[in-house]
């Protein structure tokens, strides 16, 4: 349900920053639990998220061009 709502309103800088904060919290938990597999997966997700934020801020694409 929430995913459908997210897709209908498009991706915004605020939604990307919220996602980044959530990924960071998950990363901290993975570090505390010493789960290296999860850490690696989260690192990739954080890199993708940072790239999307960078492109959005640089005007590299419009909001509707972001993956939903």
Protein backbone atom coordinates (compact mmCIF):
# COMPACT_ATOMS: atom_id res chain seq x y z
CA UNK A 1 0.00 0.00 0.00
CA UNK A 2 2.67 2.52 1.02
CA UNK A 3 4.78 1.50 -1.98
CA UNK A 4 1.86 2.27 -4.32
CA UNK A 5 1.42 5.67 -2.70
CA UNK A 6 5.16 6.32 -3.07
CA UNK A 7 5.08 5.51 -6.78
CA UNK A 8 2.11 7.75 -7.46
CA UNK A 9 3.73 10.87 -5.99
CA UNK A 10 7.18 10.37 -7.55
CA UNK A 11 10.61 10.56 -5.98
CA UNK A 12 11.61 13.73 -4.17
CA UNK A 13 14.79 14.84 -2.44
CA UNK A 14 13.06 14.40 0.91
CA UNK A 15 12.08 10.82 0.12
CA UNK A 16 15.64 10.02 -0.99
CA UNK A 17 17.04 11.55 2.21
CA UNK A 18 14.56 9.57 4.32
CA UNK A 19 15.64 6.40 2.54
CA UNK A 20 19.29 7.30 3.17
CA UNK A 21 18.65 7.79 6.90
CA UNK A 22 16.86 4.44 7.12
CA UNK A 23 19.71 2.69 5.28
CA UNK A 24 22.23 4.31 7.64
CA UNK A 25 20.33 3.04 10.68
CA UNK A 26 20.24 -0.46 9.17
CA UNK A 27 23.98 -0.20 8.48
CA UNK A 28 24.70 0.71 12.10
CA UNK A 29 22.73 -2.32 13.25
CA UNK A 30 24.57 -4.58 10.79
CA UNK A 31 27.89 -3.24 12.06
CA UNK A 32 26.90 -3.89 15.67
CA UNK A 33 25.84 -7.43 14.75
CA UNK A 34 29.01 -7.88 12.68
CA UNK A 35 26.98 -9.04 9.67
CA UNK A 36 29.38 -8.39 6.79
CA UNK A 37 27.03 -9.68 4.08
CA UNK A 38 24.30 -7.26 5.07
CA UNK A 39 26.86 -4.46 5.40
CA UNK A 40 27.99 -5.02 1.81
CA UNK A 41 24.42 -5.07 0.48
CA UNK A 42 23.59 -1.89 2.39
CA UNK A 43 26.77 -0.22 1.15
CA UNK A 44 25.64 -0.83 -2.44
CA UNK A 45 22.17 0.52 -1.66
CA UNK A 46 23.69 3.60 -0.03
CA UNK A 47 25.89 4.20 -3.07
CA UNK A 48 22.86 3.97 -5.37
CA UNK A 49 20.93 6.32 -3.13
CA UNK A 50 23.79 8.84 -3.03
CA UNK A 51 24.05 8.72 -6.82
CA UNK A 52 20.32 9.43 -7.17
CA UNK A 53 20.58 12.36 -4.76
CA UNK A 54 23.59 13.73 -6.62
CA UNK A 55 21.85 13.48 -9.99
CA UNK A 56 18.69 15.09 -8.63
CA UNK A 57 20.66 18.00 -7.15
CA UNK A 58 22.75 18.49 -10.29
CA UNK A 59 19.70 18.56 -12.51
CA UNK A 60 20.87 15.44 -14.34
CA UNK A 61 17.28 14.24 -14.63
CA UNK A 62 13.78 15.25 -13.71
CA UNK A 63 11.86 13.76 -10.80
CA UNK A 64 9.83 11.50 -13.05
CA UNK A 65 13.06 10.02 -14.48
CA UNK A 66 14.11 8.65 -11.08
CA UNK A 67 13.47 4.96 -10.42
CA UNK A 68 10.24 4.53 -8.51
